């Protein structure tokens, strides 16, 4: 391990962005990697900041991004409807496929079974992957805590009566008396 927390020969780079230049990584042999510590990177589509670690690994045809990130999203409590912040832990492996060979400059056709994202202009943008994983991790009905008071309810056990039914209500009272 190096002083920065990476393995020997693979220093950990610090960044405040979700955009990574992989032009040299794509020219290196299979197995080459880069490690990053993401520190409060702004995620525009979610209006939040993302922090954590990222490893980019050169594969035979793509770059594999392995991320362990955390973020906080703004939401509304499903019980009492107050605004709350929900902390999320994101962990994913996604492939990024280049559309051109970095050495020859020739266009590359990705395999038909390709799943993942594109490398555009020798750069990987994690923003869309982060957005998708945030949406998958976001709770359907978040709660502000165990002591959530819930919605205020009317303490009356009687349901309000529509005046148009008053004649039937009078008939009901009259029949109860018999």
C-alpha atoms as a PDB file:
ATOM      1  CA  UNK A   1       0.000   0.000   0.000  1.00  0.00           C
ATOM      2  CA  UNK A   2       1.171   3.510  -0.700  1.00  0.00           C
ATOM      3  CA  UNK A   3       0.798   6.398   1.680  1.00  0.00           C
ATOM      4  CA  UNK A   4      -2.236   7.489  -0.329  1.00  0.00           C
ATOM      5  CA  UNK A   5      -4.036   4.186   0.195  1.00  0.00           C
ATOM      6  CA  UNK A   6      -3.448   2.488  -3.178  1.00  0.00           C
ATOM      7  CA  UNK A   7      -1.382  -0.522  -4.103  1.00  0.00           C
ATOM      8  CA  UNK A   8       2.255   0.011  -5.030  1.00  0.00           C
ATOM      9  CA  UNK A   9       2.484   1.712  -8.413  1.00  0.00           C
ATOM     10  CA  UNK A  10      -1.189   2.747  -8.375  1.00  0.00           C
ATOM     11  CA  UNK A  11      -1.492   6.050  -6.526  1.00  0.00           C
ATOM     12  CA  UNK A  12      -4.885   7.318  -5.460  1.00  0.00           C
ATOM     13  CA  UNK A  13      -5.771  10.548  -7.198  1.00  0.00           C
ATOM     14  CA  UNK A  14      -8.129  13.031  -5.557  1.00  0.00           C
ATOM     15  CA  UNK A  15     -10.850  14.618  -7.652  1.00  0.00           C
ATOM     16  CA  UNK A  16     -13.950  16.757  -7.274  1.00  0.00           C
ATOM     17  CA  UNK A  17     -15.423  15.731 -10.608  1.00  0.00           C
ATOM     18  CA  UNK A  18     -17.369  12.810 -12.067  1.00  0.00           C
ATOM     19  CA  UNK A  19     -15.640  13.287 -15.435  1.00  0.00           C
ATOM     20  CA  UNK A  20     -12.481  11.185 -15.967  1.00  0.00           C
ATOM     21  CA  UNK A  21      -9.997  11.305 -18.842  1.00  0.00           C
ATOM     22  CA  UNK A  22      -9.098   7.748 -19.872  1.00  0.00           C
ATOM     23  CA  UNK A  23      -7.104   8.472 -23.042  1.00  0.00           C
ATOM     24  CA  UNK A  24      -3.841   7.063 -21.639  1.00  0.00           C
ATOM     25  CA  UNK A  25      -5.580   4.215 -19.792  1.00  0.00           C
ATOM     26  CA  UNK A  26      -7.081   3.024 -23.106  1.00  0.00           C
ATOM     27  CA  UNK A  27      -3.560   2.841 -24.594  1.00  0.00           C
ATOM     28  CA  UNK A  28      -2.196   0.748 -21.724  1.00  0.00           C
ATOM     29  CA  UNK A  29      -2.282  -3.055 -21.522  1.00  0.00           C
ATOM     30  CA  UNK A  30      -5.220  -5.040 -20.147  1.00  0.00           C
ATOM     31  CA  UNK A  31      -5.226  -4.885 -16.352  1.00  0.00           C
ATOM     32  CA  UNK A  32      -3.919  -1.326 -16.053  1.00  0.00           C
ATOM     33  CA  UNK A  33      -5.896   0.682 -13.536  1.00  0.00           C
ATOM     34  CA  UNK A  34      -6.433   4.090 -11.996  1.00  0.00           C
ATOM     35  CA  UNK A  35      -7.739   4.789  -8.502  1.00  0.00           C
ATOM     36  CA  UNK A  36      -9.549   7.925  -7.454  1.00  0.00           C
ATOM     37  CA  UNK A  37     -10.913   9.373  -4.246  1.00  0.00           C
ATOM     38  CA  UNK A  38     -13.967  11.420  -5.221  1.00  0.00           C
ATOM     39  CA  UNK A  39     -14.463  14.288  -2.781  1.00  0.00           C
ATOM     40  CA  UNK A  40     -17.780  16.153  -2.893  1.00  0.00           C
ATOM     41  CA  UNK A  41     -18.224  15.980  -6.660  1.00  0.00           C
ATOM     42  CA  UNK A  42     -21.282  17.921  -7.803  1.00  0.00           C
ATOM     43  CA  UNK A  43     -23.992  15.825  -9.461  1.00  0.00           C
ATOM     44  CA  UNK A  44     -26.018  18.350 -11.462  1.00  0.00           C
ATOM     45  CA  UNK A  45     -29.025  16.206 -12.388  1.00  0.00           C
ATOM     46  CA  UNK A  46     -29.679  15.331  -8.717  1.00  0.00           C
ATOM     47  CA  UNK A  47     -28.549  18.635  -7.149  1.00  0.00           C
ATOM     48  CA  UNK A  48     -26.321  16.792  -4.667  1.00  0.00           C
ATOM     49  CA  UNK A  49     -22.677  15.997  -3.933  1.00  0.00           C
ATOM     50  CA  UNK A  50     -21.057  12.577  -4.255  1.00  0.00           C
ATOM     51  CA  UNK A  51     -18.031  11.230  -2.343  1.00  0.00           C
ATOM     52  CA  UNK A  52     -16.223   7.891  -2.258  1.00  0.00           C
ATOM     53  CA  UNK A  53     -13.770   5.749  -4.186  1.00  0.00           C
ATOM     54  CA  UNK A  54     -13.499   4.758  -7.832  1.00  0.00           C
ATOM     55  CA  UNK A  55     -11.306   2.260  -9.643  1.00  0.00           C
ATOM     56  CA  UNK A  56     -11.004   2.292 -13.440  1.00  0.00           C
ATOM     57  CA  UNK A  57      -9.678  -0.969 -14.922  1.00  0.00           C
ATOM     58  CA  UNK A  58      -8.631  -1.477 -18.546  1.00  0.00           C
ATOM     59  CA  UNK A  59     -10.281  -4.611 -19.954  1.00  0.00           C
ATOM     60  CA  UNK A  60      -9.799  -6.170 -23.379  1.00  0.00           C
ATOM     61  CA  UNK A  61     -12.358  -3.876 -25.056  1.00  0.00           C
ATOM     62  CA  UNK A  62     -13.590  -1.431 -22.418  1.00  0.00           C
ATOM     63  CA  UNK A  63     -12.971   0.301 -19.105  1.00  0.00           C
ATOM     64  CA  UNK A  64     -14.589  -1.173 -16.007  1.00  0.00           C
ATOM     65  CA  UNK A  65     -15.572   1.407 -13.375  1.00  0.00           C
ATOM     66  CA  UNK A  66     -15.933   0.019  -9.842  1.00  0.00           C
ATOM     67  CA  UNK A  67     -17.393   2.617  -7.494  1.00  0.00           C
ATOM     68  CA  UNK A  68     -18.237   2.841  -3.797  1.00  0.00           C
ATOM     69  CA  UNK A  69     -19.891   6.224  -3.373  1.00  0.00           C
ATOM     70  CA  UNK A  70     -22.153   7.980  -0.914  1.00  0.00           C
ATOM     71  CA  UNK A  71     -24.518  10.903  -1.333  1.00  0.00           C
ATOM     72  CA  UNK A  72     -27.445  12.625   0.316  1.00  0.00           C
ATOM     73  CA  UNK A  73     -30.662  13.367  -1.559  1.00  0.00           C
ATOM     74  CA  UNK A  74     -33.492  15.682  -0.598  1.00  0.00           C
ATOM     75  CA  UNK A  75     -36.866  13.963  -0.242  1.00  0.00           C
ATOM     76  CA  UNK A  76     -40.184  14.178   1.584  1.00  0.00           C
ATOM     77  CA  UNK A  77     -41.082  11.945   4.544  1.00  0.00           C
ATOM     78  CA  UNK A  78     -43.801   9.503   3.535  1.00  0.00           C
ATOM     79  CA  UNK A  79     -45.356   9.733   7.006  1.00  0.00           C
ATOM     80  CA  UNK A  80     -45.511  13.402   7.965  1.00  0.00           C
ATOM     81  CA  UNK A  81     -44.626  15.057   4.615  1.00  0.00           C
ATOM     82  CA  UNK A  82     -41.770  17.191   5.935  1.00  0.00           C
ATOM     83  CA  UNK A  83     -38.627  17.672   3.847  1.00  0.00           C
ATOM     84  CA  UNK A  84     -35.776  15.365   4.849  1.00  0.00           C
ATOM     85  CA  UNK A  85     -32.285  14.402   3.669  1.00  0.00           C
ATOM     86  CA  UNK A  86     -31.767  10.718   2.904  1.00  0.00           C
ATOM     87  CA  UNK A  87     -28.226   9.287   2.913  1.00  0.00           C
ATOM     88  CA  UNK A  88     -27.510   6.701   0.205  1.00  0.00           C
ATOM     89  CA  UNK A  89     -24.619   4.289  -0.300  1.00  0.00           C
ATOM     90  CA  UNK A  90     -23.972   3.457  -3.967  1.00  0.00           C
ATOM     91  CA  UNK A  91     -21.856   0.516  -5.049  1.00  0.00           C
ATOM     92  CA  UNK A  92     -21.610  -0.496  -8.690  1.00  0.00           C
ATOM     93  CA  UNK A  93     -19.532  -1.958 -11.504  1.00  0.00           C
ATOM     94  CA  UNK A  94     -20.217  -0.483 -14.948  1.00  0.00           C
ATOM     95  CA  UNK A  95     -18.461  -0.867 -18.271  1.00  0.00           C
ATOM     96  CA  UNK A  96     -17.621   2.076 -20.492  1.00  0.00           C
ATOM     97  CA  UNK A  97     -17.107   1.274 -24.171  1.00  0.00           C
ATOM     98  CA  UNK A  98     -14.893   3.410 -26.440  1.00  0.00           C
ATOM     99  CA  UNK A  99     -16.244   4.249 -29.883  1.00  0.00           C
ATOM    100  CA  UNK A 100     -12.777   4.727 -31.402  1.00  0.00           C
ATOM    101  CA  UNK A 101      -9.408   3.049 -31.085  1.00  0.00           C
ATOM    102  CA  UNK A 102      -7.128   5.495 -29.217  1.00  0.00           C
ATOM    103  CA  UNK A 103      -4.008   4.422 -31.128  1.00  0.00           C
ATOM    104  CA  UNK A 104      -5.263   4.194 -34.722  1.00  0.00           C
ATOM    105  CA  UNK A 105      -8.200   6.596 -34.433  1.00  0.00           C
ATOM    106  CA  UNK A 106     -10.407   4.114 -36.288  1.00  0.00           C
ATOM    107  CA  UNK A 107     -14.033   3.655 -35.298  1.00  0.00           C
ATOM    108  CA  UNK A 108     -14.790   0.594 -33.146  1.00  0.00           C
ATOM    109  CA  UNK A 109     -18.073  -1.274 -33.291  1.00  0.00           C
ATOM    110  CA  UNK A 110     -19.008  -2.335 -29.778  1.00  0.00           C
ATOM    111  CA  UNK A 111     -20.160  -5.935 -29.393  1.00  0.00           C
ATOM    112  CA  UNK A 112     -23.934  -6.427 -29.847  1.00  0.00           C
ATOM    113  CA  UNK A 113     -24.321  -7.765 -26.296  1.00  0.00           C
ATOM    114  CA  UNK A 114     -22.710  -4.614 -24.918  1.00  0.00           C
ATOM    115  CA  UNK A 115     -24.198  -3.303 -21.704  1.00  0.00           C
ATOM    116  CA  UNK A 116     -22.934  -0.078 -20.216  1.00  0.00           C
ATOM    117  CA  UNK A 117     -22.037   3.468 -21.128  1.00  0.00           C
ATOM    118  CA  UNK A 118     -19.974   5.168 -23.823  1.00  0.00           C
ATOM    119  CA  UNK A 119     -16.499   6.653 -23.602  1.00  0.00           C
ATOM    120  CA  UNK A 120     -16.952  10.026 -25.294  1.00  0.00           C
ATOM    121  CA  UNK A 121     -13.891  11.995 -26.452  1.00  0.00           C
ATOM    122  CA  UNK A 122     -11.658   9.735 -24.315  1.00  0.00           C
ATOM    123  CA  UNK A 123     -13.639  10.682 -21.211  1.00  0.00           C
ATOM    124  CA  UNK A 124     -15.879   8.752 -18.845  1.00  0.00           C
ATOM    125  CA  UNK A 125     -18.743  10.674 -17.285  1.00  0.00           C
ATOM    126  CA  UNK A 126     -20.099   8.878 -14.210  1.00  0.00           C
ATOM    127  CA  UNK A 127     -23.028  11.317 -13.823  1.00  0.00           C
ATOM    128  CA  UNK A 128     -25.616   9.150 -15.576  1.00  0.00           C
ATOM    129  CA  UNK A 129     -24.524   5.969 -13.785  1.00  0.00           C
ATOM    130  CA  UNK A 130     -24.678   7.770 -10.427  1.00  0.00           C
ATOM    131  CA  UNK A 131     -28.120   9.194 -11.252  1.00  0.00           C
ATOM    132  CA  UNK A 132     -29.459   5.735 -12.159  1.00  0.00           C
ATOM    133  CA  UNK A 133     -28.072   4.096  -9.018  1.00  0.00           C
ATOM    134  CA  UNK A 134     -29.417   6.910  -6.818  1.00  0.00           C
ATOM    135  CA  UNK A 135     -32.890   6.365  -8.272  1.00  0.00           C
ATOM    136  CA  UNK A 136     -32.613   2.613  -7.623  1.00  0.00           C
ATOM    137  CA  UNK A 137     -31.434   3.141  -4.029  1.00  0.00           C
ATOM    138  CA  UNK A 138     -33.914   5.893  -3.154  1.00  0.00           C
ATOM    139  CA  UNK A 139     -36.565   4.540  -0.749  1.00  0.00           C
ATOM    140  CA  UNK A 140     -40.128   4.465  -2.082  1.00  0.00           C
ATOM    141  CA  UNK A 141     -41.522   5.983   1.103  1.00  0.00           C
ATOM    142  CA  UNK A 142     -38.714   7.500   3.181  1.00  0.00           C
ATOM    143  CA  UNK A 143     -39.308   8.247   6.847  1.00  0.00           C
ATOM    144  CA  UNK A 144     -37.900  11.062   8.945  1.00  0.00           C
ATOM    145  CA  UNK A 145     -37.216   8.644  11.802  1.00  0.00           C
ATOM    146  CA  UNK A 146     -38.658   6.004  14.112  1.00  0.00           C
ATOM    147  CA  UNK A 147     -40.632   8.651  15.999  1.00  0.00           C
ATOM    148  CA  UNK A 148     -42.336  10.023  12.853  1.00  0.00           C
ATOM    149  CA  UNK A 149     -45.688  11.465  14.003  1.00  0.00           C
ATOM    150  CA  UNK A 150     -47.380  10.668  10.695  1.00  0.00           C
ATOM    151  CA  UNK A 151     -50.054  12.820   9.153  1.00  0.00           C
ATOM    152  CA  UNK A 152     -52.354  14.777  11.429  1.00  0.00           C
ATOM    153  CA  UNK A 153     -55.750  13.164  11.346  1.00  0.00           C
ATOM    154  CA  UNK A 154     -59.198  14.376  12.319  1.00  0.00           C
ATOM    155  CA  UNK A 155     -59.950  13.000  15.806  1.00  0.00           C
ATOM    156  CA  UNK A 156     -63.671  12.742  15.056  1.00  0.00           C
ATOM    157  CA  UNK A 157     -64.852   9.177  14.515  1.00  0.00           C
ATOM    158  CA  UNK A 158     -67.897  10.401  12.600  1.00  0.00           C
ATOM    159  CA  UNK A 159     -67.402  10.908   8.902  1.00  0.00           C
ATOM    160  CA  UNK A 160     -68.627  14.261   7.606  1.00  0.00           C
ATOM    161  CA  UNK A 161     -72.139  14.014   6.167  1.00  0.00           C
ATOM    162  CA  UNK A 162     -73.080  15.558   2.887  1.00  0.00           C
ATOM    163  CA  UNK A 163     -76.169  17.776   3.309  1.00  0.00           C
ATOM    164  CA  UNK A 164     -77.756  16.126   0.291  1.00  0.00           C
ATOM    165  CA  UNK A 165     -78.116  12.949   2.376  1.00  0.00           C
ATOM    166  CA  UNK A 166     -79.751  14.708   5.355  1.00  0.00           C
ATOM    167  CA  UNK A 167     -83.195  13.292   4.505  1.00  0.00           C
ATOM    168  CA  UNK A 168     -81.807   9.759   4.718  1.00  0.00           C
ATOM    169  CA  UNK A 169     -80.012  10.585   7.983  1.00  0.00           C
ATOM    170  CA  UNK A 170     -83.327  11.769   9.455  1.00  0.00           C
ATOM    171  CA  UNK A 171     -85.018   8.567   8.248  1.00  0.00           C
ATOM    172  CA  UNK A 172     -82.241   6.476   9.819  1.00  0.00           C
ATOM    173  CA  UNK A 173     -82.747   8.210  13.190  1.00  0.00           C
ATOM    174  CA  UNK A 174     -86.492   7.748  12.916  1.00  0.00           C
ATOM    175  CA  UNK A 175     -86.153   4.023  12.212  1.00  0.00           C
ATOM    176  CA  UNK A 176     -83.733   3.567  15.131  1.00  0.00           C
ATOM    177  CA  UNK A 177     -86.407   4.866  17.456  1.00  0.00           C
ATOM    178  CA  UNK A 178     -88.830   2.050  16.490  1.00  0.00           C
END
